[in-house]
Amino acid sequence: MYDSERPAYAHARRSGRPCQHATHRLTYAQYDVLRVRAGDACELCGTPDQETPRGELVIDHFEGGGAFFVRGLLCDRCNSVMARHDSTMPWDPASLPFKDKARAYHLNAVGEPGPEALRRAEAEIARRFDNAYWRYRERAADVRAAAQ
């Protein structure tokens, strides 16, 4: 697809919101590099941008533990898979098949965030996982106590 034929959805203001790329600290040129890398399709599942429910891909990023970096472009479904990878949501049977692919995608973030940013991201993901695990254990104990 030629650049002139591509929908400019990330370069357009919608409903008074800033352009999608600006909210993720990207220039127009950096965003266009993302689209070329993705080939106008989700980088995890390959769904073309026009076939997603919104008709566009979302900018996937990691933020936490002092790290911020853009990973790429995803459909909404795969963006929720990455939320599971980042330990902000639990894995479920439908998302588990993507676990290894999500990890590889995370490590291949656009712009190569560098070892320090990746180390911070890994530490934050582990911290989130530990917190989620202990919250689950506490809820299970509360349920068992209430049942007695």
C-alpha atoms as a PDB file:
ATOM      1  CA  MET A   1       0.000   0.000   0.000  1.00  0.00           C
ATOM      2  CA  TYR A   2       1.342   3.429  -0.917  1.00  0.00           C
ATOM      3  CA  ASP A   3       1.648   6.048   1.819  1.00  0.00           C
ATOM      4  CA  SER A   4      -0.938   8.219   0.055  1.00  0.00           C
ATOM      5  CA  GLU A   5      -3.454   5.325   0.258  1.00  0.00           C
ATOM      6  CA  ARG A   6      -2.955   4.612   3.958  1.00  0.00           C
ATOM      7  CA  PRO A   7      -5.641   5.852   6.308  1.00  0.00           C
ATOM      8  CA  ALA A   8      -4.134   8.589   8.491  1.00  0.00           C
ATOM      9  CA  TYR A   9      -6.022   7.562  11.615  1.00  0.00           C
ATOM     10  CA  ALA A  10      -3.201   8.246  14.047  1.00  0.00           C
ATOM     11  CA  HIS A  11      -2.538  11.679  12.582  1.00  0.00           C
ATOM     12  CA  ALA A  12      -6.112  12.871  13.018  1.00  0.00           C
ATOM     13  CA  ARG A  13      -7.734  14.421  16.055  1.00  0.00           C
ATOM     14  CA  ARG A  14     -10.864  12.574  17.138  1.00  0.00           C
ATOM     15  CA  SER A  15     -13.415  13.824  19.633  1.00  0.00           C
ATOM     16  CA  GLY A  16     -11.078  16.518  20.894  1.00  0.00           C
ATOM     17  CA  ARG A  17      -8.400  13.962  21.827  1.00  0.00           C
ATOM     18  CA  PRO A  18      -4.798  14.445  20.734  1.00  0.00           C
ATOM     19  CA  CYS A  19      -3.396  12.330  17.921  1.00  0.00           C
ATOM     20  CA  GLN A  20      -2.754   8.740  18.987  1.00  0.00           C
ATOM     21  CA  HIS A  21       0.983   9.008  18.353  1.00  0.00           C
ATOM     22  CA  ALA A  22       1.367  12.164  20.457  1.00  0.00           C
ATOM     23  CA  THR A  23      -0.037  10.500  23.585  1.00  0.00           C
ATOM     24  CA  HIS A  24       2.785   7.938  23.329  1.00  0.00           C
ATOM     25  CA  ARG A  25       5.585  10.490  22.855  1.00  0.00           C
ATOM     26  CA  LEU A  26       6.075   9.701  19.151  1.00  0.00           C
ATOM     27  CA  THR A  27       6.644  12.047  16.240  1.00  0.00           C
ATOM     28  CA  TYR A  28       4.749  11.584  12.969  1.00  0.00           C
ATOM     29  CA  ALA A  29       7.875  10.029  11.457  1.00  0.00           C
ATOM     30  CA  GLN A  30       8.342   7.575  14.340  1.00  0.00           C
ATOM     31  CA  TYR A  31       4.700   6.537  14.107  1.00  0.00           C
ATOM     32  CA  ASP A  32       5.024   6.001  10.363  1.00  0.00           C
ATOM     33  CA  VAL A  33       8.033   3.727  11.024  1.00  0.00           C
ATOM     34  CA  LEU A  34       5.777   1.693  13.351  1.00  0.00           C
ATOM     35  CA  ARG A  35       3.192   1.315  10.616  1.00  0.00           C
ATOM     36  CA  VAL A  36       5.786   0.206   8.083  1.00  0.00           C
ATOM     37  CA  ARG A  37       7.193  -2.334  10.561  1.00  0.00           C
ATOM     38  CA  ALA A  38       3.694  -3.679  11.271  1.00  0.00           C
ATOM     39  CA  GLY A  39       2.698  -3.729   7.612  1.00  0.00           C
ATOM     40  CA  ASP A  40      -0.648  -2.198   8.640  1.00  0.00           C
ATOM     41  CA  ALA A  41      -1.531  -5.382  10.547  1.00  0.00           C
ATOM     42  CA  CYS A  42      -1.419  -6.475  14.184  1.00  0.00           C
ATOM     43  CA  GLU A  43       2.114  -7.532  15.055  1.00  0.00           C
ATOM     44  CA  LEU A  44       0.937 -10.520  17.136  1.00  0.00           C
ATOM     45  CA  CYS A  45      -1.956 -12.078  15.226  1.00  0.00           C
ATOM     46  CA  GLY A  46      -1.625 -10.453  11.791  1.00  0.00           C
ATOM     47  CA  THR A  47      -5.161  -9.038  11.626  1.00  0.00           C
ATOM     48  CA  PRO A  48      -5.174  -6.177   9.074  1.00  0.00           C
ATOM     49  CA  ASP A  49      -5.877  -2.791  10.665  1.00  0.00           C
ATOM     50  CA  GLN A  50      -9.078  -2.258   8.659  1.00  0.00           C
ATOM     51  CA  GLU A  51     -10.487  -5.583   9.949  1.00  0.00           C
ATOM     52  CA  THR A  52     -10.206  -4.654  13.635  1.00  0.00           C
ATOM     53  CA  PRO A  53     -13.376  -3.473  15.422  1.00  0.00           C
ATOM     54  CA  ARG A  54     -12.116   0.148  15.416  1.00  0.00           C
ATOM     55  CA  GLY A  55     -10.657  -0.058  11.931  1.00  0.00           C
ATOM     56  CA  GLU A  56      -7.232   0.851  13.296  1.00  0.00           C
ATOM     57  CA  LEU A  57      -4.415  -0.544  15.377  1.00  0.00           C
ATOM     58  CA  VAL A  58      -3.461   0.740  18.815  1.00  0.00           C
ATOM     59  CA  ILE A  59      -0.001   1.763  19.938  1.00  0.00           C
ATOM     60  CA  ASP A  60       1.174  -0.810  22.446  1.00  0.00           C
ATOM     61  CA  HIS A  61       3.600   0.348  25.120  1.00  0.00           C
ATOM     62  CA  PHE A  62       5.053  -0.655  28.447  1.00  0.00           C
ATOM     63  CA  GLU A  63       5.033   1.753  31.358  1.00  0.00           C
ATOM     64  CA  GLY A  64       6.063   1.039  34.913  1.00  0.00           C
ATOM     65  CA  GLY A  65       8.992   0.688  37.260  1.00  0.00           C
ATOM     66  CA  GLY A  66      10.657   3.759  35.779  1.00  0.00           C
ATOM     67  CA  ALA A  67      10.510   2.372  32.227  1.00  0.00           C
ATOM     68  CA  PHE A  68       8.469   3.618  29.279  1.00  0.00           C
ATOM     69  CA  PHE A  69       8.798   2.326  25.740  1.00  0.00           C
ATOM     70  CA  VAL A  70       6.609   1.704  22.723  1.00  0.00           C
ATOM     71  CA  ARG A  71       6.539  -1.909  21.593  1.00  0.00           C
ATOM     72  CA  GLY A  72       4.553  -1.683  18.366  1.00  0.00           C
ATOM     73  CA  LEU A  73       1.051  -1.755  16.862  1.00  0.00           C
ATOM     74  CA  LEU A  74      -1.617  -4.244  17.895  1.00  0.00           C
ATOM     75  CA  CYS A  75      -5.313  -4.967  17.523  1.00  0.00           C
ATOM     76  CA  ASP A  76      -7.390  -4.493  20.673  1.00  0.00           C
ATOM     77  CA  ARG A  77      -7.503  -8.234  21.401  1.00  0.00           C
ATOM     78  CA  CYS A  78      -3.717  -8.596  21.282  1.00  0.00           C
ATOM     79  CA  ASN A  79      -3.301  -5.418  23.311  1.00  0.00           C
ATOM     80  CA  SER A  80      -5.234  -7.198  26.077  1.00  0.00           C
ATOM     81  CA  VAL A  81      -2.864 -10.186  25.645  1.00  0.00           C
ATOM     82  CA  MET A  82       0.023  -7.814  26.357  1.00  0.00           C
ATOM     83  CA  ALA A  83      -1.780  -6.584  29.490  1.00  0.00           C
ATOM     84  CA  ARG A  84      -1.656 -10.201  30.644  1.00  0.00           C
ATOM     85  CA  HIS A  85       2.050 -10.394  29.776  1.00  0.00           C
ATOM     86  CA  ASP A  86       2.621  -7.225  31.804  1.00  0.00           C
ATOM     87  CA  SER A  87       0.770  -8.841  34.749  1.00  0.00           C
ATOM     88  CA  THR A  88      -1.955  -6.212  34.842  1.00  0.00           C
ATOM     89  CA  MET A  89      -4.549  -8.889  34.008  1.00  0.00           C
ATOM     90  CA  PRO A  90      -4.502 -12.654  34.668  1.00  0.00           C
ATOM     91  CA  TRP A  91      -3.890 -15.137  31.843  1.00  0.00           C
ATOM     92  CA  ASP A  92      -7.000 -16.979  30.748  1.00  0.00           C
ATOM     93  CA  PRO A  93      -7.419 -20.053  28.521  1.00  0.00           C
ATOM     94  CA  ALA A  94      -8.086 -17.946  25.396  1.00  0.00           C
ATOM     95  CA  SER A  95      -4.936 -15.834  25.810  1.00  0.00           C
ATOM     96  CA  LEU A  96      -2.520 -18.543  27.011  1.00  0.00           C
ATOM     97  CA  PRO A  97      -1.580 -19.714  23.482  1.00  0.00           C
ATOM     98  CA  PHE A  98      -0.107 -16.231  22.891  1.00  0.00           C
ATOM     99  CA  LYS A  99       2.112 -16.243  26.008  1.00  0.00           C
ATOM    100  CA  ASP A 100       5.418 -17.127  24.283  1.00  0.00           C
ATOM    101  CA  LYS A 101       4.689 -14.909  21.304  1.00  0.00           C
ATOM    102  CA  ALA A 102       3.856 -12.006  23.647  1.00  0.00           C
ATOM    103  CA  ARG A 103       7.204 -12.437  25.402  1.00  0.00           C
ATOM    104  CA  ALA A 104       9.143 -12.423  22.116  1.00  0.00           C
ATOM    105  CA  TYR A 105       7.218  -9.356  20.935  1.00  0.00           C
ATOM    106  CA  HIS A 106       7.957  -7.552  24.230  1.00  0.00           C
ATOM    107  CA  LEU A 107      11.693  -8.204  23.845  1.00  0.00           C
ATOM    108  CA  ASN A 108      11.589  -6.940  20.231  1.00  0.00           C
ATOM    109  CA  ALA A 109      10.154  -3.534  21.114  1.00  0.00           C
ATOM    110  CA  VAL A 110      10.476  -0.782  18.551  1.00  0.00           C
ATOM    111  CA  GLY A 111      13.522   1.407  19.032  1.00  0.00           C
ATOM    112  CA  GLU A 112      15.247  -1.246  21.131  1.00  0.00           C
ATOM    113  CA  PRO A 113      14.682   0.240  24.588  1.00  0.00           C
ATOM    114  CA  GLY A 114      18.009  -1.082  25.856  1.00  0.00           C
ATOM    115  CA  PRO A 115      18.980  -3.480  28.597  1.00  0.00           C
ATOM    116  CA  GLU A 116      18.318  -1.073  31.479  1.00  0.00           C
ATOM    117  CA  ALA A 117      14.751  -0.288  30.368  1.00  0.00           C
ATOM    118  CA  LEU A 118      14.065  -3.981  29.776  1.00  0.00           C
ATOM    119  CA  ARG A 119      15.524  -4.845  33.206  1.00  0.00           C
ATOM    120  CA  ARG A 120      13.228  -2.275  34.836  1.00  0.00           C
ATOM    121  CA  ALA A 121      10.258  -3.597  32.874  1.00  0.00           C
ATOM    122  CA  GLU A 122      11.015  -7.191  33.929  1.00  0.00           C
ATOM    123  CA  ALA A 123      11.318  -6.145  37.578  1.00  0.00           C
ATOM    124  CA  GLU A 124       7.992  -4.296  37.386  1.00  0.00           C
ATOM    125  CA  ILE A 125       6.253  -7.245  35.710  1.00  0.00           C
ATOM    126  CA  ALA A 126       7.569  -9.566  38.452  1.00  0.00           C
ATOM    127  CA  ARG A 127       6.408  -7.121  41.142  1.00  0.00           C
ATOM    128  CA  ARG A 128       2.942  -6.925  39.587  1.00  0.00           C
ATOM    129  CA  PHE A 129       2.762 -10.711  39.320  1.00  0.00           C
ATOM    130  CA  ASP A 130       3.780 -11.165  42.962  1.00  0.00           C
ATOM    131  CA  ASN A 131       1.144  -8.639  44.086  1.00  0.00           C
ATOM    132  CA  ALA A 132      -1.547 -10.332  41.986  1.00  0.00           C
ATOM    133  CA  TYR A 133      -0.559 -13.764  43.351  1.00  0.00           C
ATOM    134  CA  TRP A 134      -0.808 -12.643  46.965  1.00  0.00           C
ATOM    135  CA  ARG A 135      -4.130 -10.846  46.336  1.00  0.00           C
ATOM    136  CA  TYR A 136      -5.450 -14.107  44.873  1.00  0.00           C
ATOM    137  CA  ARG A 137      -4.196 -16.069  47.900  1.00  0.00           C
ATOM    138  CA  GLU A 138      -5.832 -13.585  50.294  1.00  0.00           C
ATOM    139  CA  ARG A 139      -9.169 -13.787  48.425  1.00  0.00           C
ATOM    140  CA  ALA A 140      -9.012 -17.604  48.460  1.00  0.00           C
ATOM    141  CA  ALA A 141      -8.342 -17.571  52.216  1.00  0.00           C
ATOM    142  CA  ASP A 142     -11.259 -15.168  52.765  1.00  0.00           C
ATOM    143  CA  VAL A 143     -13.562 -17.461  50.760  1.00  0.00           C
ATOM    144  CA  ARG A 144     -12.432 -20.515  52.745  1.00  0.00           C
ATOM    145  CA  ALA A 145     -12.919 -18.660  56.043  1.00  0.00           C
ATOM    146  CA  ALA A 146     -16.399 -17.501  55.041  1.00  0.00           C
ATOM    147  CA  ALA A 147     -17.354 -21.058  54.104  1.00  0.00           C
ATOM    148  CA  GLN A 148     -16.513 -22.375  57.582  1.00  0.00           C
END
